[in-house]
Amino acid sequence: MIYDHDSHSISYLDRIADQNQQLIDFPRGNMVANKDWSNVATAPIRICDCAWLGFDAVVLKGVTIGEGAIVGARAVVTKDVPPWTIAAGNPARVVKEIPLELRRQE
């Protein structure tokens, strides 16, 4: 899962407005068709070449997964993962560096 946003505002008034709009939109089949995204924090995600995300990993807004990095299964990535490292856990943290001989050679 890759989320480049917080889904909801931190303001409870904005969240109430979202929920009310969802009740209107739900019968039409799209609960976020008319969502007000202007009050939701967003930041781009960057996944570099040769990176690999394990099963069910979650990458949150503003994160860069470095070149050749590996993210373990079910990890929750809240901060950048440096190139050629392995990150795992919740929150994800670097647990190992990938040896030089296993990295892409230019």
PDB file of N, CA and C in Angstrom:
ATOM      1  N   MET A   1       0.854  -1.172   0.000  1.00  0.00           N
ATOM      2  CA  MET A   1       0.000   0.000   0.000  1.00  0.00           C
ATOM      3  C   MET A   1       0.894   1.228   0.000  1.00  0.00           C
ATOM      4  N   ILE A   2       0.543   2.165  -0.832  1.00  0.00           N
ATOM      5  CA  ILE A   2       1.316   3.400  -0.943  1.00  0.00           C
ATOM      6  C   ILE A   2       0.352   4.560  -0.747  1.00  0.00           C
ATOM      7  N   TYR A   3       0.575   5.320   0.314  1.00  0.00           N
ATOM      8  CA  TYR A   3      -0.314   6.434   0.659  1.00  0.00           C
ATOM      9  C   TYR A   3       0.461   7.740   0.631  1.00  0.00           C
ATOM     10  N   ASP A   4       0.151   8.605  -0.327  1.00  0.00           N
ATOM     11  CA  ASP A   4       0.835   9.894  -0.395  1.00  0.00           C
ATOM     12  C   ASP A   4       0.048  10.990   0.317  1.00  0.00           C
ATOM     13  N   HIS A   5      -0.840  10.575   1.222  1.00  0.00           N
ATOM     14  CA  HIS A   5      -1.681  11.534   1.954  1.00  0.00           C
ATOM     15  C   HIS A   5      -2.074  10.937   3.300  1.00  0.00           C
ATOM     16  N   ASP A   6      -2.645  11.771   4.165  1.00  0.00           N
ATOM     17  CA  ASP A   6      -3.077  11.327   5.498  1.00  0.00           C
ATOM     18  C   ASP A   6      -4.512  10.807   5.528  1.00  0.00           C
ATOM     19  N   SER A   7      -5.198  10.815   4.412  1.00  0.00           N
ATOM     20  CA  SER A   7      -6.583  10.369   4.281  1.00  0.00           C
ATOM     21  C   SER A   7      -7.598  11.352   4.847  1.00  0.00           C
ATOM     22  N   HIS A   8      -7.275  11.936   5.993  1.00  0.00           N
ATOM     23  CA  HIS A   8      -8.213  12.845   6.647  1.00  0.00           C
ATOM     24  C   HIS A   8      -7.463  14.021   7.262  1.00  0.00           C
ATOM     25  N   SER A   9      -8.162  15.088   7.465  1.00  0.00           N
ATOM     26  CA  SER A   9      -7.636  16.244   8.177  1.00  0.00           C
ATOM     27  C   SER A   9      -7.473  15.890   9.654  1.00  0.00           C
ATOM     28  N   ILE A  10      -6.613  16.610  10.351  1.00  0.00           N
ATOM     29  CA  ILE A  10      -6.524  16.409  11.798  1.00  0.00           C
ATOM     30  C   ILE A  10      -7.619  17.182  12.537  1.00  0.00           C
ATOM     31  N   SER A  11      -8.337  18.033  11.822  1.00  0.00           N
ATOM     32  CA  SER A  11      -9.448  18.786  12.417  1.00  0.00           C
ATOM     33  C   SER A  11     -10.701  17.911  12.474  1.00  0.00           C
ATOM     34  N   TYR A  12     -11.263  17.760  13.656  1.00  0.00           N
ATOM     35  CA  TYR A  12     -12.467  16.939  13.772  1.00  0.00           C
ATOM     36  C   TYR A  12     -13.635  17.532  12.990  1.00  0.00           C
ATOM     37  N   LEU A  13     -13.680  18.852  12.845  1.00  0.00           N
ATOM     38  CA  LEU A  13     -14.766  19.458  12.065  1.00  0.00           C
ATOM     39  C   LEU A  13     -14.672  19.053  10.592  1.00  0.00           C
ATOM     40  N   ASP A  14     -13.455  19.023  10.065  1.00  0.00           N
ATOM     41  CA  ASP A  14     -13.258  18.574   8.681  1.00  0.00           C
ATOM     42  C   ASP A  14     -13.630  17.103   8.529  1.00  0.00           C
ATOM     43  N   ARG A  15     -13.279  16.288   9.527  1.00  0.00           N
ATOM     44  CA  ARG A  15     -13.610  14.857   9.454  1.00  0.00           C
ATOM     45  C   ARG A  15     -15.112  14.635   9.507  1.00  0.00           C
ATOM     46  N   ILE A  16     -15.824  15.421  10.306  1.00  0.00           N
ATOM     47  CA  ILE A  16     -17.288  15.322  10.351  1.00  0.00           C
ATOM     48  C   ILE A  16     -17.882  15.680   8.990  1.00  0.00           C
ATOM     49  N   ALA A  17     -17.360  16.740   8.376  1.00  0.00           N
ATOM     50  CA  ALA A  17     -17.836  17.125   7.043  1.00  0.00           C
ATOM     51  C   ALA A  17     -17.569  16.008   6.036  1.00  0.00           C
ATOM     52  N   ASP A  18     -16.383  15.363   6.124  1.00  0.00           N
ATOM     53  CA  ASP A  18     -16.068  14.231   5.250  1.00  0.00           C
ATOM     54  C   ASP A  18     -17.074  13.099   5.429  1.00  0.00           C
ATOM     55  N   GLN A  19     -17.361  12.774   6.674  1.00  0.00           N
ATOM     56  CA  GLN A  19     -18.290  11.669   6.945  1.00  0.00           C
ATOM     57  C   GLN A  19     -19.692  11.984   6.430  1.00  0.00           C
ATOM     58  N   ASN A  20     -20.126  13.204   6.616  1.00  0.00           N
ATOM     59  CA  ASN A  20     -21.446  13.589   6.109  1.00  0.00           C
ATOM     60  C   ASN A  20     -21.484  13.489   4.587  1.00  0.00           C
ATOM     61  N   GLN A  21     -20.411  13.918   3.922  1.00  0.00           N
ATOM     62  CA  GLN A  21     -20.355  13.823   2.462  1.00  0.00           C
ATOM     63  C   GLN A  21     -20.328  12.361   2.020  1.00  0.00           C
ATOM     64  N   GLN A  22     -19.631  11.514   2.768  1.00  0.00           N
ATOM     65  CA  GLN A  22     -19.590  10.090   2.429  1.00  0.00           C
ATOM     66  C   GLN A  22     -20.971   9.459   2.501  1.00  0.00           C
ATOM     67  N   LEU A  23     -21.765   9.856   3.482  1.00  0.00           N
ATOM     68  CA  LEU A  23     -23.130   9.328   3.586  1.00  0.00           C
ATOM     69  C   LEU A  23     -23.972   9.706   2.365  1.00  0.00           C
ATOM     70  N   ILE A  24     -23.711  10.876   1.816  1.00  0.00           N
ATOM     71  CA  ILE A  24     -24.405  11.306   0.599  1.00  0.00           C
ATOM     72  C   ILE A  24     -23.896  10.522  -0.606  1.00  0.00           C
ATOM     73  N   ASP A  25     -22.561  10.330  -0.688  1.00  0.00           N
ATOM     74  CA  ASP A  25     -21.949   9.704  -1.860  1.00  0.00           C
ATOM     75  C   ASP A  25     -22.045   8.186  -1.873  1.00  0.00           C
ATOM     76  N   PHE A  26     -22.158   7.552  -0.709  1.00  0.00           N
ATOM     77  CA  PHE A  26     -22.110   6.089  -0.630  1.00  0.00           C
ATOM     78  C   PHE A  26     -23.132   5.395  -1.533  1.00  0.00           C
ATOM     79  N   PRO A  27     -24.391   5.806  -1.530  1.00  0.00           N
ATOM     80  CA  PRO A  27     -25.351   5.116  -2.403  1.00  0.00           C
ATOM     81  C   PRO A  27     -24.994   5.210  -3.888  1.00  0.00           C
ATOM     82  N   ARG A  28     -24.192   6.187  -4.256  1.00  0.00           N
ATOM     83  CA  ARG A  28     -23.774   6.352  -5.653  1.00  0.00           C
ATOM     84  C   ARG A  28     -22.551   5.497  -5.987  1.00  0.00           C
ATOM     85  N   GLY A  29     -21.980   4.831  -4.972  1.00  0.00           N
ATOM     86  CA  GLY A  29     -20.899   3.886  -5.220  1.00  0.00           C
ATOM     87  C   GLY A  29     -19.484   4.410  -5.059  1.00  0.00           C
ATOM     88  N   ASN A  30     -19.294   5.686  -4.758  1.00  0.00           N
ATOM     89  CA  ASN A  30     -17.943   6.219  -4.581  1.00  0.00           C
ATOM     90  C   ASN A  30     -17.938   7.155  -3.385  1.00  0.00           C
ATOM     91  N   MET A  31     -17.412   6.664  -2.261  1.00  0.00           N
ATOM     92  CA  MET A  31     -17.480   7.429  -1.016  1.00  0.00           C
ATOM     93  C   MET A  31     -16.572   8.659  -0.991  1.00  0.00           C
ATOM     94  N   VAL A  32     -15.627   8.769  -1.917  1.00  0.00           N
ATOM     95  CA  VAL A  32     -14.724   9.926  -1.914  1.00  0.00           C
ATOM     96  C   VAL A  32     -14.887  10.777  -3.168  1.00  0.00           C
ATOM     97  N   ALA A  33     -15.962  10.578  -3.886  1.00  0.00           N
ATOM     98  CA  ALA A  33     -16.178  11.315  -5.137  1.00  0.00           C
ATOM     99  C   ALA A  33     -16.155  12.823  -4.922  1.00  0.00           C
ATOM    100  N   ASN A  34     -16.677  13.282  -3.806  1.00  0.00           N
ATOM    101  CA  ASN A  34     -16.758  14.716  -3.542  1.00  0.00           C
ATOM    102  C   ASN A  34     -15.991  15.121  -2.289  1.00  0.00           C
ATOM    103  N   LYS A  35     -14.990  14.323  -1.917  1.00  0.00           N
ATOM    104  CA  LYS A  35     -14.177  14.620  -0.740  1.00  0.00           C
ATOM    105  C   LYS A  35     -13.409  15.921  -0.937  1.00  0.00           C
ATOM    106  N   ASP A  36     -13.316  16.707   0.122  1.00  0.00           N
ATOM    107  CA  ASP A  36     -12.528  17.946   0.099  1.00  0.00           C
ATOM    108  C   ASP A  36     -11.093  17.595   0.500  1.00  0.00           C
ATOM    109  N   TRP A  37     -10.218  17.467  -0.496  1.00  0.00           N
ATOM    110  CA  TRP A  37      -8.824  17.093  -0.235  1.00  0.00           C
ATOM    111  C   TRP A  37      -7.967  18.286   0.156  1.00  0.00           C
ATOM    112  N   SER A  38      -8.500  19.495   0.099  1.00  0.00           N
ATOM    113  CA  SER A  38      -7.686  20.684   0.364  1.00  0.00           C
ATOM    114  C   SER A  38      -7.191  20.762   1.800  1.00  0.00           C
ATOM    115  N   ASN A  39      -7.814  20.052   2.717  1.00  0.00           N
ATOM    116  CA  ASN A  39      -7.393  20.112   4.124  1.00  0.00           C
ATOM    117  C   ASN A  39      -6.669  18.837   4.566  1.00  0.00           C
ATOM    118  N   VAL A  40      -6.199  18.032   3.606  1.00  0.00           N
ATOM    119  CA  VAL A  40      -5.502  16.781   3.910  1.00  0.00           C
ATOM    120  C   VAL A  40      -4.030  16.931   3.525  1.00  0.00           C
ATOM    121  N   ALA A  41      -3.139  16.621   4.484  1.00  0.00           N
ATOM    122  CA  ALA A  41      -1.701  16.721   4.223  1.00  0.00           C
ATOM    123  C   ALA A  41      -1.273  15.677   3.197  1.00  0.00           C
ATOM    124  N   THR A  42      -0.467  16.112   2.215  1.00  0.00           N
ATOM    125  CA  THR A  42       0.049  15.221   1.183  1.00  0.00           C
ATOM    126  C   THR A  42       1.541  15.470   0.975  1.00  0.00           C
ATOM    127  N   ALA A  43       2.238  14.482   0.445  1.00  0.00           N
ATOM    128  CA  ALA A  43       3.647  14.620   0.062  1.00  0.00           C
ATOM    129  C   ALA A  43       3.974  13.471  -0.889  1.00  0.00           C
ATOM    130  N   PRO A  44       4.770  13.747  -1.911  1.00  0.00           N
ATOM    131  CA  PRO A  44       5.066  12.696  -2.893  1.00  0.00           C
ATOM    132  C   PRO A  44       5.926  11.580  -2.309  1.00  0.00           C
ATOM    133  N   ILE A  45       5.781  10.407  -2.901  1.00  0.00           N
ATOM    134  CA  ILE A  45       6.579   9.230  -2.555  1.00  0.00           C
ATOM    135  C   ILE A  45       7.472   8.928  -3.746  1.00  0.00           C
ATOM    136  N   ARG A  46       8.708   8.552  -3.463  1.00  0.00           N
ATOM    137  CA  ARG A  46       9.640   8.216  -4.536  1.00  0.00           C
ATOM    138  C   ARG A  46      10.183   6.811  -4.280  1.00  0.00           C
ATOM    139  N   ILE A  47      10.036   5.944  -5.269  1.00  0.00           N
ATOM    140  CA  ILE A  47      10.586   4.596  -5.195  1.00  0.00           C
ATOM    141  C   ILE A  47      11.622   4.488  -6.314  1.00  0.00           C
ATOM    142  N   CYS A  48      12.877   4.367  -5.926  1.00  0.00           N
ATOM    143  CA  CYS A  48      13.985   4.413  -6.882  1.00  0.00           C
ATOM    144  C   CYS A  48      14.198   3.067  -7.583  1.00  0.00           C
ATOM    145  N   ASP A  49      15.043   3.110  -8.605  1.00  0.00           N
ATOM    146  CA  ASP A  49      15.342   1.919  -9.399  1.00  0.00           C
ATOM    147  C   ASP A  49      15.840   0.766  -8.526  1.00  0.00           C
ATOM    148  N   CYS A  50      15.479  -0.423  -8.919  1.00  0.00           N
ATOM    149  CA  CYS A  50      15.938  -1.676  -8.309  1.00  0.00           C
ATOM    150  C   CYS A  50      15.463  -1.870  -6.870  1.00  0.00           C
ATOM    151  N   ALA A  51      14.556  -1.015  -6.396  1.00  0.00           N
ATOM    152  CA  ALA A  51      13.997  -1.197  -5.050  1.00  0.00           C
ATOM    153  C   ALA A  51      12.937  -2.282  -5.099  1.00  0.00           C
ATOM    154  N   TRP A  52      12.684  -2.876  -3.964  1.00  0.00           N
ATOM    155  CA  TRP A  52      11.711  -3.963  -3.879  1.00  0.00           C
ATOM    156  C   TRP A  52      10.935  -3.838  -2.582  1.00  0.00           C
ATOM    157  N   LEU A  53       9.602  -3.928  -2.697  1.00  0.00           N
ATOM    158  CA  LEU A  53       8.732  -3.854  -1.527  1.00  0.00           C
ATOM    159  C   LEU A  53       8.160  -5.242  -1.254  1.00  0.00           C
ATOM    160  N   GLY A  54       8.327  -5.707  -0.031  1.00  0.00           N
ATOM    161  CA  GLY A  54       7.793  -7.001   0.357  1.00  0.00           C
ATOM    162  C   GLY A  54       6.279  -6.978   0.473  1.00  0.00           C
ATOM    163  N   PHE A  55       5.691  -8.150   0.565  1.00  0.00           N
ATOM    164  CA  PHE A  55       4.250  -8.331   0.651  1.00  0.00           C
ATOM    165  C   PHE A  55       3.651  -7.491   1.766  1.00  0.00           C
ATOM    166  N   ASP A  56       2.579  -6.771   1.440  1.00  0.00           N
ATOM    167  CA  ASP A  56       1.790  -6.033   2.426  1.00  0.00           C
ATOM    168  C   ASP A  56       2.538  -4.882   3.094  1.00  0.00           C
ATOM    169  N   ALA A  57       3.620  -4.415   2.494  1.00  0.00           N
ATOM    170  CA  ALA A  57       4.337  -3.256   3.046  1.00  0.00           C
ATOM    171  C   ALA A  57       3.478  -2.007   2.872  1.00  0.00           C
ATOM    172  N   VAL A  58       3.647  -1.059   3.783  1.00  0.00           N
ATOM    173  CA  VAL A  58       2.930   0.210   3.725  1.00  0.00           C
ATOM    174  C   VAL A  58       3.977   1.316   3.637  1.00  0.00           C
ATOM    175  N   VAL A  59       3.851   2.181   2.621  1.00  0.00           N
ATOM    176  CA  VAL A  59       4.758   3.315   2.450  1.00  0.00           C
ATOM    177  C   VAL A  59       3.930   4.583   2.607  1.00  0.00           C
ATOM    178  N   LEU A  60       4.323   5.426   3.553  1.00  0.00           N
ATOM    179  CA  LEU A  60       3.547   6.628   3.857  1.00  0.00           C
ATOM    180  C   LEU A  60       4.108   7.868   3.159  1.00  0.00           C
ATOM    181  N   LYS A  61       3.354   8.932   3.222  1.00  0.00           N
ATOM    182  CA  LYS A  61       3.640  10.159   2.462  1.00  0.00           C
ATOM    183  C   LYS A  61       5.040  10.696   2.733  1.00  0.00           C
ATOM    184  N   GLY A  62       5.638  11.251   1.675  1.00  0.00           N
ATOM    185  CA  GLY A  62       6.912  11.934   1.789  1.00  0.00           C
ATOM    186  C   GLY A  62       8.139  11.054   1.846  1.00  0.00           C
ATOM    187  N   VAL A  63       7.982   9.744   1.716  1.00  0.00           N
ATOM    188  CA  VAL A  63       9.091   8.804   1.869  1.00  0.00           C
ATOM    189  C   VAL A  63       9.780   8.561   0.531  1.00  0.00           C
ATOM    190  N   THR A  64      11.103   8.383   0.587  1.00  0.00           N
ATOM    191  CA  THR A  64      11.875   7.916  -0.559  1.00  0.00           C
ATOM    192  C   THR A  64      12.454   6.559  -0.213  1.00  0.00           C
ATOM    193  N   ILE A  65      12.227   5.597  -1.096  1.00  0.00           N
ATOM    194  CA  ILE A  65      12.845   4.282  -0.992  1.00  0.00           C
ATOM    195  C   ILE A  65      14.044   4.322  -1.932  1.00  0.00           C
ATOM    196  N   GLY A  66      15.237   4.271  -1.375  1.00  0.00           N
ATOM    197  CA  GLY A  66      16.458   4.451  -2.157  1.00  0.00           C
ATOM    198  C   GLY A  66      16.721   3.347  -3.157  1.00  0.00           C
ATOM    199  N   GLU A  67      17.646   3.623  -4.063  1.00  0.00           N
ATOM    200  CA  GLU A  67      18.005   2.660  -5.102  1.00  0.00           C
ATOM    201  C   GLU A  67      18.421   1.335  -4.470  1.00  0.00           C
ATOM    202  N   GLY A  68      17.861   0.251  -4.986  1.00  0.00           N
ATOM    203  CA  GLY A  68      18.243  -1.078  -4.549  1.00  0.00           C
ATOM    204  C   GLY A  68      17.799  -1.457  -3.153  1.00  0.00           C
ATOM    205  N   ALA A  69      17.062  -0.592  -2.485  1.00  0.00           N
ATOM    206  CA  ALA A  69      16.624  -0.891  -1.122  1.00  0.00           C
ATOM    207  C   ALA A  69      15.547  -1.970  -1.138  1.00  0.00           C
ATOM    208  N   ILE A  70      15.475  -2.706  -0.047  1.00  0.00           N
ATOM    209  CA  ILE A  70      14.454  -3.732   0.129  1.00  0.00           C
ATOM    210  C   ILE A  70      13.654  -3.379   1.372  1.00  0.00           C
ATOM    211  N   VAL A  71      12.325  -3.424   1.237  1.00  0.00           N
ATOM    212  CA  VAL A  71      11.431  -3.196   2.375  1.00  0.00           C
ATOM    213  C   VAL A  71      10.782  -4.530   2.698  1.00  0.00           C
ATOM    214  N   GLY A  72      10.919  -4.969   3.934  1.00  0.00           N
ATOM    215  CA  GLY A  72      10.411  -6.269   4.349  1.00  0.00           C
ATOM    216  C   GLY A  72       8.896  -6.350   4.333  1.00  0.00           C
ATOM    217  N   ALA A  73       8.404  -7.565   4.289  1.00  0.00           N
ATOM    218  CA  ALA A  73       6.966  -7.814   4.300  1.00  0.00           C
ATOM    219  C   ALA A  73       6.332  -7.187   5.541  1.00  0.00           C
ATOM    220  N   ARG A  74       5.205  -6.540   5.326  1.00  0.00           N
ATOM    221  CA  ARG A  74       4.398  -5.905   6.369  1.00  0.00           C
ATOM    222  C   ARG A  74       5.090  -4.766   7.108  1.00  0.00           C
ATOM    223  N   ALA A  75       6.182  -4.269   6.579  1.00  0.00           N
ATOM    224  CA  ALA A  75       6.846  -3.114   7.182  1.00  0.00           C
ATOM    225  C   ALA A  75       5.971  -1.879   6.984  1.00  0.00           C
ATOM    226  N   VAL A  76       6.071  -0.930   7.893  1.00  0.00           N
ATOM    227  CA  VAL A  76       5.383   0.347   7.771  1.00  0.00           C
ATOM    228  C   VAL A  76       6.467   1.413   7.672  1.00  0.00           C
ATOM    229  N   VAL A  77       6.643   1.954   6.465  1.00  0.00           N
ATOM    230  CA  VAL A  77       7.742   2.878   6.194  1.00  0.00           C
ATOM    231  C   VAL A  77       7.265   4.311   6.421  1.00  0.00           C
ATOM    232  N   THR A  78       7.811   4.949   7.431  1.00  0.00           N
ATOM    233  CA  THR A  78       7.437   6.319   7.785  1.00  0.00           C
ATOM    234  C   THR A  78       8.553   7.315   7.489  1.00  0.00           C
ATOM    235  N   LYS A  79       9.773   6.803   7.236  1.00  0.00           N
ATOM    236  CA  LYS A  79      10.934   7.650   6.950  1.00  0.00           C
ATOM    237  C   LYS A  79      11.690   7.053   5.774  1.00  0.00           C
ATOM    238  N   ASP A  80      12.550   7.871   5.166  1.00  0.00           N
ATOM    239  CA  ASP A  80      13.322   7.419   4.010  1.00  0.00           C
ATOM    240  C   ASP A  80      14.118   6.154   4.317  1.00  0.00           C
ATOM    241  N   VAL A  81      14.227   5.290   3.299  1.00  0.00           N
ATOM    242  CA  VAL A  81      15.058   4.101   3.376  1.00  0.00           C
ATOM    243  C   VAL A  81      16.275   4.362   2.489  1.00  0.00           C
ATOM    244  N   PRO A  82      17.486   4.367   3.060  1.00  0.00           N
ATOM    245  CA  PRO A  82      18.675   4.667   2.263  1.00  0.00           C
ATOM    246  C   PRO A  82      18.906   3.632   1.165  1.00  0.00           C
ATOM    247  N   PRO A  83      19.636   4.028   0.121  1.00  0.00           N
ATOM    248  CA  PRO A  83      19.953   3.084  -0.950  1.00  0.00           C
ATOM    249  C   PRO A  83      20.698   1.858  -0.416  1.00  0.00           C
ATOM    250  N   TRP A  84      20.409   0.721  -1.043  1.00  0.00           N
ATOM    251  CA  TRP A  84      21.117  -0.528  -0.792  1.00  0.00           C
ATOM    252  C   TRP A  84      21.107  -0.941   0.678  1.00  0.00           C
ATOM    253  N   THR A  85      19.940  -0.779   1.295  1.00  0.00           N
ATOM    254  CA  THR A  85      19.734  -1.258   2.656  1.00  0.00           C
ATOM    255  C   THR A  85      18.468  -2.096   2.696  1.00  0.00           C
ATOM    256  N   ILE A  86      18.295  -2.811   3.791  1.00  0.00           N
ATOM    257  CA  ILE A  86      17.082  -3.589   4.019  1.00  0.00           C
ATOM    258  C   ILE A  86      16.410  -3.003   5.252  1.00  0.00           C
ATOM    259  N   ALA A  87      15.130  -2.642   5.105  1.00  0.00           N
ATOM    260  CA  ALA A  87      14.366  -2.073   6.214  1.00  0.00           C
ATOM    261  C   ALA A  87      13.208  -3.007   6.544  1.00  0.00           C
ATOM    262  N   ALA A  88      12.907  -3.130   7.828  1.00  0.00           N
ATOM    263  CA  ALA A  88      11.815  -4.002   8.258  1.00  0.00           C
ATOM    264  C   ALA A  88      11.235  -3.467   9.554  1.00  0.00           C
ATOM    265  N   GLY A  89      10.009  -3.888   9.853  1.00  0.00           N
ATOM    266  CA  GLY A  89       9.385  -3.563  11.130  1.00  0.00           C
ATOM    267  C   GLY A  89       8.325  -2.493  11.041  1.00  0.00           C
ATOM    268  N   ASN A  90       7.781  -2.175  12.216  1.00  0.00           N
ATOM    269  CA  ASN A  90       6.745  -1.146  12.349  1.00  0.00           C
ATOM    270  C   ASN A  90       7.054  -0.313  13.588  1.00  0.00           C
ATOM    271  N   PRO A  91       7.576   0.905  13.373  1.00  0.00           N
ATOM    272  CA  PRO A  91       7.935   1.502  12.083  1.00  0.00           C
ATOM    273  C   PRO A  91       9.196   0.852  11.506  1.00  0.00           C
ATOM    274  N   ALA A  92       9.312   0.914  10.197  1.00  0.00           N
ATOM    275  CA  ALA A  92      10.460   0.299   9.532  1.00  0.00           C
ATOM    276  C   ALA A  92      11.746   0.993   9.954  1.00  0.00           C
ATOM    277  N   ARG A  93      12.783   0.178  10.108  1.00  0.00           N
ATOM    278  CA  ARG A  93      14.118   0.702  10.391  1.00  0.00           C
ATOM    279  C   ARG A  93      15.109  -0.150   9.616  1.00  0.00           C
ATOM    280  N   VAL A  94      16.263   0.415   9.334  1.00  0.00           N
ATOM    281  CA  VAL A  94      17.287  -0.321   8.600  1.00  0.00           C
ATOM    282  C   VAL A  94      17.816  -1.432   9.492  1.00  0.00           C
ATOM    283  N   VAL A  95      17.790  -2.655   8.954  1.00  0.00           N
ATOM    284  CA  VAL A  95      18.276  -3.813   9.709  1.00  0.00           C
ATOM    285  C   VAL A  95      19.557  -4.398   9.109  1.00  0.00           C
ATOM    286  N   LYS A  96      19.865  -3.983   7.871  1.00  0.00           N
ATOM    287  CA  LYS A  96      21.043  -4.548   7.215  1.00  0.00           C
ATOM    288  C   LYS A  96      21.405  -3.707   6.001  1.00  0.00           C
ATOM    289  N   GLU A  97      22.690  -3.678   5.675  1.00  0.00           N
ATOM    290  CA  GLU A  97      23.141  -3.090   4.422  1.00  0.00           C
ATOM    291  C   GLU A  97      23.381  -4.214   3.429  1.00  0.00           C
ATOM    292  N   ILE A  98      23.047  -3.950   2.181  1.00  0.00           N
ATOM    293  CA  ILE A  98      23.273  -4.934   1.128  1.00  0.00           C
ATOM    294  C   ILE A  98      24.753  -4.872   0.748  1.00  0.00           C
ATOM    295  N   PRO A  99      25.453  -6.022   0.742  1.00  0.00           N
ATOM    296  CA  PRO A  99      26.886  -6.030   0.436  1.00  0.00           C
ATOM    297  C   PRO A  99      27.187  -5.423  -0.936  1.00  0.00           C
ATOM    298  N   LEU A 100      28.352  -4.815  -1.051  1.00  0.00           N
ATOM    299  CA  LEU A 100      28.752  -4.141  -2.291  1.00  0.00           C
ATOM    300  C   LEU A 100      28.666  -5.064  -3.499  1.00  0.00           C
ATOM    301  N   GLU A 101      29.054  -6.328  -3.331  1.00  0.00           N
ATOM    302  CA  GLU A 101      29.069  -7.240  -4.479  1.00  0.00           C
ATOM    303  C   GLU A 101      27.666  -7.611  -4.960  1.00  0.00           C
ATOM    304  N   LEU A 102      26.638  -7.297  -4.183  1.00  0.00           N
ATOM    305  CA  LEU A 102      25.258  -7.584  -4.581  1.00  0.00           C
ATOM    306  C   LEU A 102      24.539  -6.339  -5.102  1.00  0.00           C
ATOM    307  N   ARG A 103      25.233  -5.232  -5.174  1.00  0.00           N
ATOM    308  CA  ARG A 103      24.625  -3.982  -5.657  1.00  0.00           C
ATOM    309  C   ARG A 103      24.833  -3.861  -7.164  1.00  0.00           C
ATOM    310  N   ARG A 104      23.980  -3.065  -7.779  1.00  0.00           N
ATOM    311  CA  ARG A 104      24.098  -2.818  -9.221  1.00  0.00           C
ATOM    312  C   ARG A 104      25.430  -2.119  -9.476  1.00  0.00           C
ATOM    313  N   GLN A 105      26.132  -2.633 -10.445  1.00  0.00           N
ATOM    314  CA  GLN A 105      27.407  -2.047 -10.826  1.00  0.00           C
ATOM    315  C   GLN A 105      27.210  -1.167 -12.044  1.00  0.00           C
ATOM    316  N   GLU A 106      27.682   0.030 -11.995  1.00  0.00           N
ATOM    317  CA  GLU A 106      27.548   0.975 -13.125  1.00  0.00           C
ATOM    318  C   GLU A 106      28.600   0.743 -14.159  1.00  0.00           C
TER     319      GLU A 106
END
